[in-house]
Amino acid sequence: MSEIAGHVTVLDHPLIQHKLTIMRNKETSIAGFRRLLREIAHLMCYEVTRDLELELIDIDTPMAPMKSPAIKGKKLVFASILRAGNGLLDGMLDLVPAARVAHIGMYRDHETLEPVEYYFKAPSSLEDRLIIVVDPMLATANSATAAIEKLKERGANNIRFLCLLAAPEGIKRFTEAHPDVPVYTASIDDHLNEKGYIVPGLGDAGDRMYGTR
């Protein structure tokens, strides 16, 4: 795991990198892509929650009472930027099934590359919770920036952003808009093309998950 400029953390675990390579391959099937996205979400969730605060609670094992560590504070919130974010969300919930979930509906206008919001639903008391926002791609960062702005408007103040791939242009835009939100990614790719897609990237994550065009 390596940190860049104190704001972006690249999750370079060998299993993450190996699975990402298979996902990038255009010959990988829809079923394979979906399965790998869920698996890689498990591994990334492990890293992004590494520093959660713990407290000791009293429990009884079959042998004796003891004080044992448990996650402190209110339940986590995983915020999925629809629709592709749900591929990461499913894997995250496998590890933290008690987490609350927010859904943020954003799609990118292919002419302007600007985000268009169509849905927002989040748990209460966001100001008291750690929010982990998930979306496979940080490309132009327009959708991610707008989604986090919506969460902040609802009181969220402890936010992390998790993505599979990031473009340098997206990182710059995102960090300028939200310097208080750390980014976790599996790879920083080379650049965006004229249509706003990450290169070399892996194509459109939502289309590859759901078999759409």
C-alpha atoms as a PDB file:
ATOM      1  CA  MET A   1       0.000   0.000   0.000  1.00  0.00           C
ATOM      2  CA  SER A   2       1.581   3.278  -1.090  1.00  0.00           C
ATOM      3  CA  GLU A   3       0.518   6.856  -0.427  1.00  0.00           C
ATOM      4  CA  ILE A   4       0.811   9.686  -2.941  1.00  0.00           C
ATOM      5  CA  ALA A   5       0.929  13.283  -1.762  1.00  0.00           C
ATOM      6  CA  GLY A   6      -0.794  12.340   1.491  1.00  0.00           C
ATOM      7  CA  HIS A   7      -4.205  12.179  -0.184  1.00  0.00           C
ATOM      8  CA  VAL A   8      -4.298   9.203  -2.576  1.00  0.00           C
ATOM      9  CA  THR A   9      -3.503   5.673  -1.437  1.00  0.00           C
ATOM     10  CA  VAL A  10      -2.768   3.025  -4.071  1.00  0.00           C
ATOM     11  CA  LEU A  11      -3.726  -0.439  -2.845  1.00  0.00           C
ATOM     12  CA  ASP A  12      -0.933  -2.445  -4.397  1.00  0.00           C
ATOM     13  CA  HIS A  13      -1.538  -5.811  -2.727  1.00  0.00           C
ATOM     14  CA  PRO A  14      -0.562  -8.564  -5.220  1.00  0.00           C
ATOM     15  CA  LEU A  15      -4.017 -10.170  -5.165  1.00  0.00           C
ATOM     16  CA  ILE A  16      -5.684  -6.855  -5.945  1.00  0.00           C
ATOM     17  CA  GLN A  17      -3.303  -6.186  -8.814  1.00  0.00           C
ATOM     18  CA  HIS A  18      -3.673  -9.709 -10.216  1.00  0.00           C
ATOM     19  CA  LYS A  19      -7.472  -9.588 -10.204  1.00  0.00           C
ATOM     20  CA  LEU A  20      -7.441  -6.103 -11.721  1.00  0.00           C
ATOM     21  CA  THR A  21      -5.310  -7.354 -14.610  1.00  0.00           C
ATOM     22  CA  ILE A  22      -7.883 -10.033 -15.413  1.00  0.00           C
ATOM     23  CA  MET A  23     -10.691  -7.465 -15.200  1.00  0.00           C
ATOM     24  CA  ARG A  24      -8.909  -5.183 -17.660  1.00  0.00           C
ATOM     25  CA  ASN A  25      -8.711  -7.950 -20.288  1.00  0.00           C
ATOM     26  CA  LYS A  26     -11.446  -7.349 -22.868  1.00  0.00           C
ATOM     27  CA  GLU A  27     -11.892 -11.121 -23.241  1.00  0.00           C
ATOM     28  CA  THR A  28     -13.053 -11.517 -19.615  1.00  0.00           C
ATOM     29  CA  SER A  29     -16.729 -12.535 -19.561  1.00  0.00           C
ATOM     30  CA  ILE A  30     -19.544 -10.593 -17.911  1.00  0.00           C
ATOM     31  CA  ALA A  31     -19.830 -13.271 -15.221  1.00  0.00           C
ATOM     32  CA  GLY A  32     -16.077 -13.264 -14.673  1.00  0.00           C
ATOM     33  CA  PHE A  33     -15.916  -9.477 -14.490  1.00  0.00           C
ATOM     34  CA  ARG A  34     -18.766  -9.348 -11.983  1.00  0.00           C
ATOM     35  CA  ARG A  35     -17.205 -12.058  -9.807  1.00  0.00           C
ATOM     36  CA  LEU A  36     -13.779 -10.408  -9.848  1.00  0.00           C
ATOM     37  CA  LEU A  37     -15.262  -7.034  -8.961  1.00  0.00           C
ATOM     38  CA  ARG A  38     -16.895  -8.563  -5.899  1.00  0.00           C
ATOM     39  CA  GLU A  39     -13.666 -10.338  -4.917  1.00  0.00           C
ATOM     40  CA  ILE A  40     -11.528  -7.247  -5.353  1.00  0.00           C
ATOM     41  CA  ALA A  41     -14.050  -5.281  -3.281  1.00  0.00           C
ATOM     42  CA  HIS A  42     -13.412  -7.681  -0.396  1.00  0.00           C
ATOM     43  CA  LEU A  43      -9.700  -6.961  -0.520  1.00  0.00           C
ATOM     44  CA  MET A  44     -10.102  -3.206  -0.925  1.00  0.00           C
ATOM     45  CA  CYS A  45     -12.631  -3.051   1.912  1.00  0.00           C
ATOM     46  CA  TYR A  46     -10.079  -4.702   4.173  1.00  0.00           C
ATOM     47  CA  GLU A  47      -7.568  -1.951   3.385  1.00  0.00           C
ATOM     48  CA  VAL A  48      -9.890   1.067   3.517  1.00  0.00           C
ATOM     49  CA  THR A  49     -11.167   0.034   6.969  1.00  0.00           C
ATOM     50  CA  ARG A  50      -7.744  -0.847   8.356  1.00  0.00           C
ATOM     51  CA  ASP A  51      -7.657   2.016  10.885  1.00  0.00           C
ATOM     52  CA  LEU A  52     -11.198   1.822  12.272  1.00  0.00           C
ATOM     53  CA  GLU A  53     -11.320   2.660  15.964  1.00  0.00           C
ATOM     54  CA  LEU A  54     -11.941  -0.237  18.356  1.00  0.00           C
ATOM     55  CA  GLU A  55     -13.271  -0.476  21.892  1.00  0.00           C
ATOM     56  CA  LEU A  56     -13.299  -3.325  24.382  1.00  0.00           C
ATOM     57  CA  ILE A  57     -16.664  -4.910  25.150  1.00  0.00           C
ATOM     58  CA  ASP A  58     -17.638  -7.611  27.642  1.00  0.00           C
ATOM     59  CA  ILE A  59     -18.561 -10.999  26.188  1.00  0.00           C
ATOM     60  CA  ASP A  60     -18.740 -14.595  27.386  1.00  0.00           C
ATOM     61  CA  THR A  61     -16.899 -17.245  25.400  1.00  0.00           C
ATOM     62  CA  PRO A  62     -17.796 -20.938  25.973  1.00  0.00           C
ATOM     63  CA  MET A  63     -14.843 -21.008  28.380  1.00  0.00           C
ATOM     64  CA  ALA A  64     -14.824 -17.693  30.263  1.00  0.00           C
ATOM     65  CA  PRO A  65     -15.885 -14.041  30.277  1.00  0.00           C
ATOM     66  CA  MET A  66     -13.491 -11.602  28.625  1.00  0.00           C
ATOM     67  CA  LYS A  67     -13.068  -8.120  27.208  1.00  0.00           C
ATOM     68  CA  SER A  68     -12.762  -8.272  23.430  1.00  0.00           C
ATOM     69  CA  PRO A  69     -12.316  -5.611  20.694  1.00  0.00           C
ATOM     70  CA  ALA A  70     -15.250  -4.422  18.590  1.00  0.00           C
ATOM     71  CA  ILE A  71     -15.672  -1.541  16.151  1.00  0.00           C
ATOM     72  CA  LYS A  72     -16.495   1.635  18.046  1.00  0.00           C
ATOM     73  CA  GLY A  73     -19.247   4.089  17.195  1.00  0.00           C
ATOM     74  CA  LYS A  74     -22.268   4.014  14.899  1.00  0.00           C
ATOM     75  CA  LYS A  75     -22.549   1.684  11.920  1.00  0.00           C
ATOM     76  CA  LEU A  76     -20.518   2.459   8.803  1.00  0.00           C
ATOM     77  CA  VAL A  77     -22.242   3.787   5.708  1.00  0.00           C
ATOM     78  CA  PHE A  78     -21.312   2.540   2.249  1.00  0.00           C
ATOM     79  CA  ALA A  79     -22.470   5.036  -0.374  1.00  0.00           C
ATOM     80  CA  SER A  80     -22.779   3.605  -3.872  1.00  0.00           C
ATOM     81  CA  ILE A  81     -22.721   5.885  -6.900  1.00  0.00           C
ATOM     82  CA  LEU A  82     -25.197   4.139  -9.191  1.00  0.00           C
ATOM     83  CA  ARG A  83     -25.084   2.032 -11.121  1.00  0.00           C
ATOM     84  CA  ALA A  84     -21.530   0.706 -11.309  1.00  0.00           C
ATOM     85  CA  GLY A  85     -20.858   1.383  -7.639  1.00  0.00           C
ATOM     86  CA  ASN A  86     -23.135  -1.508  -6.736  1.00  0.00           C
ATOM     87  CA  GLY A  87     -20.529  -3.976  -7.982  1.00  0.00           C
ATOM     88  CA  LEU A  88     -18.138  -2.791  -5.276  1.00  0.00           C
ATOM     89  CA  LEU A  89     -20.953  -2.359  -2.751  1.00  0.00           C
ATOM     90  CA  ASP A  90     -21.926  -6.037  -2.876  1.00  0.00           C
ATOM     91  CA  GLY A  91     -18.410  -7.134  -2.000  1.00  0.00           C
ATOM     92  CA  MET A  92     -18.108  -4.552   0.773  1.00  0.00           C
ATOM     93  CA  LEU A  93     -21.360  -5.765   2.345  1.00  0.00           C
ATOM     94  CA  ASP A  94     -20.047  -9.330   2.334  1.00  0.00           C
ATOM     95  CA  LEU A  95     -17.438  -8.173   4.858  1.00  0.00           C
ATOM     96  CA  VAL A  96     -19.526  -5.610   6.766  1.00  0.00           C
ATOM     97  CA  PRO A  97     -23.127  -6.866   6.476  1.00  0.00           C
ATOM     98  CA  ALA A  98     -24.377  -4.530   9.226  1.00  0.00           C
ATOM     99  CA  ALA A  99     -23.285  -1.386   7.349  1.00  0.00           C
ATOM    100  CA  ARG A 100     -25.929   1.147   6.373  1.00  0.00           C
ATOM    101  CA  VAL A 101     -26.196   1.920   2.657  1.00  0.00           C
ATOM    102  CA  ALA A 102     -26.697   5.140   0.716  1.00  0.00           C
ATOM    103  CA  HIS A 103     -27.545   5.187  -2.985  1.00  0.00           C
ATOM    104  CA  ILE A 104     -26.624   8.165  -5.141  1.00  0.00           C
ATOM    105  CA  GLY A 105     -27.962   8.099  -8.679  1.00  0.00           C
ATOM    106  CA  MET A 106     -25.671   9.945 -11.089  1.00  0.00           C
ATOM    107  CA  TYR A 107     -25.120   9.501 -14.782  1.00  0.00           C
ATOM    108  CA  ARG A 108     -22.699  11.286 -17.061  1.00  0.00           C
ATOM    109  CA  ASP A 109     -24.043  13.404 -19.895  1.00  0.00           C
ATOM    110  CA  HIS A 110     -21.949  12.137 -22.798  1.00  0.00           C
ATOM    111  CA  GLU A 111     -22.004  15.516 -24.498  1.00  0.00           C
ATOM    112  CA  THR A 112     -20.953  17.740 -21.585  1.00  0.00           C
ATOM    113  CA  LEU A 113     -19.378  15.022 -19.365  1.00  0.00           C
ATOM    114  CA  GLU A 114     -21.217  16.685 -16.463  1.00  0.00           C
ATOM    115  CA  PRO A 115     -23.119  14.619 -13.853  1.00  0.00           C
ATOM    116  CA  VAL A 116     -26.904  14.468 -13.829  1.00  0.00           C
ATOM    117  CA  GLU A 117     -28.493  13.456 -10.514  1.00  0.00           C
ATOM    118  CA  TYR A 118     -31.623  11.304 -10.583  1.00  0.00           C
ATOM    119  CA  TYR A 119     -31.733   9.665  -7.116  1.00  0.00           C
ATOM    120  CA  PHE A 120     -30.453  10.189  -3.576  1.00  0.00           C
ATOM    121  CA  LYS A 121     -31.323   8.125  -0.489  1.00  0.00           C
ATOM    122  CA  ALA A 122     -29.129   7.973   2.619  1.00  0.00           C
ATOM    123  CA  PRO A 123     -29.367   6.874   6.267  1.00  0.00           C
ATOM    124  CA  SER A 124     -29.868   9.383   9.069  1.00  0.00           C
ATOM    125  CA  SER A 125     -27.161  10.835  11.324  1.00  0.00           C
ATOM    126  CA  LEU A 126     -24.485  10.988   8.614  1.00  0.00           C
ATOM    127  CA  GLU A 127     -22.528  13.442  10.753  1.00  0.00           C
ATOM    128  CA  ASP A 128     -21.845  10.637  13.260  1.00  0.00           C
ATOM    129  CA  ARG A 129     -20.751   7.983  10.783  1.00  0.00           C
ATOM    130  CA  LEU A 130     -17.798   7.094   8.578  1.00  0.00           C
ATOM    131  CA  ILE A 131     -18.993   7.189   4.958  1.00  0.00           C
ATOM    132  CA  ILE A 132     -17.142   5.142   2.340  1.00  0.00           C
ATOM    133  CA  VAL A 133     -18.205   6.213  -1.152  1.00  0.00           C
ATOM    134  CA  VAL A 134     -17.683   3.586  -3.859  1.00  0.00           C
ATOM    135  CA  ASP A 135     -17.490   3.898  -7.645  1.00  0.00           C
ATOM    136  CA  PRO A 136     -15.210   1.785  -9.870  1.00  0.00           C
ATOM    137  CA  MET A 137     -13.841   4.751 -11.853  1.00  0.00           C
ATOM    138  CA  LEU A 138     -12.524   8.192 -10.915  1.00  0.00           C
ATOM    139  CA  ALA A 139     -12.318   9.581 -14.454  1.00  0.00           C
ATOM    140  CA  THR A 140     -13.385  13.216 -14.839  1.00  0.00           C
ATOM    141  CA  ALA A 141     -14.384  13.074 -11.132  1.00  0.00           C
ATOM    142  CA  ASN A 142     -17.481  15.122 -11.880  1.00  0.00           C
ATOM    143  CA  SER A 143     -19.904  12.491 -10.556  1.00  0.00           C
ATOM    144  CA  ALA A 144     -17.792  11.681  -7.499  1.00  0.00           C
ATOM    145  CA  THR A 145     -17.353  15.354  -6.655  1.00  0.00           C
ATOM    146  CA  ALA A 146     -21.090  16.015  -6.950  1.00  0.00           C
ATOM    147  CA  ALA A 147     -22.013  12.902  -4.932  1.00  0.00           C
ATOM    148  CA  ILE A 148     -19.758  13.869  -2.051  1.00  0.00           C
ATOM    149  CA  GLU A 149     -21.111  17.405  -2.123  1.00  0.00           C
ATOM    150  CA  LYS A 150     -24.612  15.947  -1.650  1.00  0.00           C
ATOM    151  CA  LEU A 151     -23.422  13.875   1.317  1.00  0.00           C
ATOM    152  CA  LYS A 152     -21.795  16.903   2.914  1.00  0.00           C
ATOM    153  CA  GLU A 153     -25.031  18.852   2.492  1.00  0.00           C
ATOM    154  CA  ARG A 154     -26.680  16.118   4.595  1.00  0.00           C
ATOM    155  CA  GLY A 155     -24.088  16.514   7.358  1.00  0.00           C
ATOM    156  CA  ALA A 156     -21.397  13.972   6.437  1.00  0.00           C
ATOM    157  CA  ASN A 157     -17.955  15.066   7.614  1.00  0.00           C
ATOM    158  CA  ASN A 158     -15.930  11.827   7.711  1.00  0.00           C
ATOM    159  CA  ILE A 159     -15.775  10.520   4.142  1.00  0.00           C
ATOM    160  CA  ARG A 160     -13.469   8.241   2.164  1.00  0.00           C
ATOM    161  CA  PHE A 161     -13.634   7.514  -1.565  1.00  0.00           C
ATOM    162  CA  LEU A 162     -12.850   4.060  -2.954  1.00  0.00           C
ATOM    163  CA  CYS A 163     -12.397   3.266  -6.654  1.00  0.00           C
ATOM    164  CA  LEU A 164     -10.747   0.635  -8.840  1.00  0.00           C
ATOM    165  CA  LEU A 165      -9.074   3.042 -11.255  1.00  0.00           C
ATOM    166  CA  ALA A 166      -8.258   6.739 -11.178  1.00  0.00           C
ATOM    167  CA  ALA A 167      -7.029   9.146 -13.847  1.00  0.00           C
ATOM    168  CA  PRO A 168      -4.579  11.945 -12.985  1.00  0.00           C
ATOM    169  CA  GLU A 169      -7.116  14.489 -14.263  1.00  0.00           C
ATOM    170  CA  GLY A 170      -9.790  13.071 -11.976  1.00  0.00           C
ATOM    171  CA  ILE A 171      -7.510  13.050  -8.953  1.00  0.00           C
ATOM    172  CA  LYS A 172      -6.636  16.696  -9.533  1.00  0.00           C
ATOM    173  CA  ARG A 173     -10.270  17.740  -9.890  1.00  0.00           C
ATOM    174  CA  PHE A 174     -11.396  15.668  -6.896  1.00  0.00           C
ATOM    175  CA  THR A 175      -8.666  16.804  -4.516  1.00  0.00           C
ATOM    176  CA  GLU A 176      -9.246  20.438  -5.391  1.00  0.00           C
ATOM    177  CA  ALA A 177     -12.956  20.076  -4.654  1.00  0.00           C
ATOM    178  CA  HIS A 178     -12.657  17.853  -1.576  1.00  0.00           C
ATOM    179  CA  PRO A 179      -9.166  18.086  -0.046  1.00  0.00           C
ATOM    180  CA  ASP A 180     -10.536  16.547   3.167  1.00  0.00           C
ATOM    181  CA  VAL A 181     -11.614  13.291   1.494  1.00  0.00           C
ATOM    182  CA  PRO A 182      -8.884  10.638   1.059  1.00  0.00           C
ATOM    183  CA  VAL A 183      -8.923   8.509  -2.090  1.00  0.00           C
ATOM    184  CA  TYR A 184      -8.175   4.771  -2.182  1.00  0.00           C
ATOM    185  CA  THR A 185      -7.593   3.158  -5.569  1.00  0.00           C
ATOM    186  CA  ALA A 186      -6.039   0.041  -7.085  1.00  0.00           C
ATOM    187  CA  SER A 187      -4.342   1.966  -9.917  1.00  0.00           C
ATOM    188  CA  ILE A 188      -3.627   5.446 -11.233  1.00  0.00           C
ATOM    189  CA  ASP A 189      -3.791   5.071 -15.001  1.00  0.00           C
ATOM    190  CA  ASP A 190      -2.243   7.234 -17.701  1.00  0.00           C
ATOM    191  CA  HIS A 191      -4.865   9.713 -18.900  1.00  0.00           C
ATOM    192  CA  LEU A 192      -8.416  10.384 -20.084  1.00  0.00           C
ATOM    193  CA  ASN A 193      -9.317  10.165 -23.756  1.00  0.00           C
ATOM    194  CA  GLU A 194     -11.453  12.736 -25.592  1.00  0.00           C
ATOM    195  CA  LYS A 195     -14.644  10.966 -24.436  1.00  0.00           C
ATOM    196  CA  GLY A 196     -13.633  11.091 -20.783  1.00  0.00           C
ATOM    197  CA  TYR A 197     -12.718   7.402 -20.448  1.00  0.00           C
ATOM    198  CA  ILE A 198      -9.684   6.206 -18.505  1.00  0.00           C
ATOM    199  CA  VAL A 199      -6.774   4.884 -20.629  1.00  0.00           C
ATOM    200  CA  PRO A 200      -5.667   2.100 -20.588  1.00  0.00           C
ATOM    201  CA  GLY A 201      -8.540   1.511 -18.165  1.00  0.00           C
ATOM    202  CA  LEU A 202     -10.983  -1.362 -18.511  1.00  0.00           C
ATOM    203  CA  GLY A 203     -13.816   0.177 -20.496  1.00  0.00           C
ATOM    204  CA  ASP A 204     -17.160   1.154 -18.970  1.00  0.00           C
ATOM    205  CA  ALA A 205     -17.449  -0.747 -15.686  1.00  0.00           C
ATOM    206  CA  GLY A 206     -21.255  -0.631 -15.645  1.00  0.00           C
ATOM    207  CA  ASP A 207     -21.540  -1.965 -19.179  1.00  0.00           C
ATOM    208  CA  ARG A 208     -19.084  -4.760 -18.454  1.00  0.00           C
ATOM    209  CA  MET A 209     -20.947  -5.694 -15.260  1.00  0.00           C
ATOM    210  CA  TYR A 210     -24.404  -5.760 -16.787  1.00  0.00           C
ATOM    211  CA  GLY A 211     -23.758  -6.575 -20.443  1.00  0.00           C
ATOM    212  CA  THR A 212     -25.110  -3.280 -21.729  1.00  0.00           C
ATOM    213  CA  ARG A 213     -23.835  -0.810 -24.319  1.00  0.00           C
END
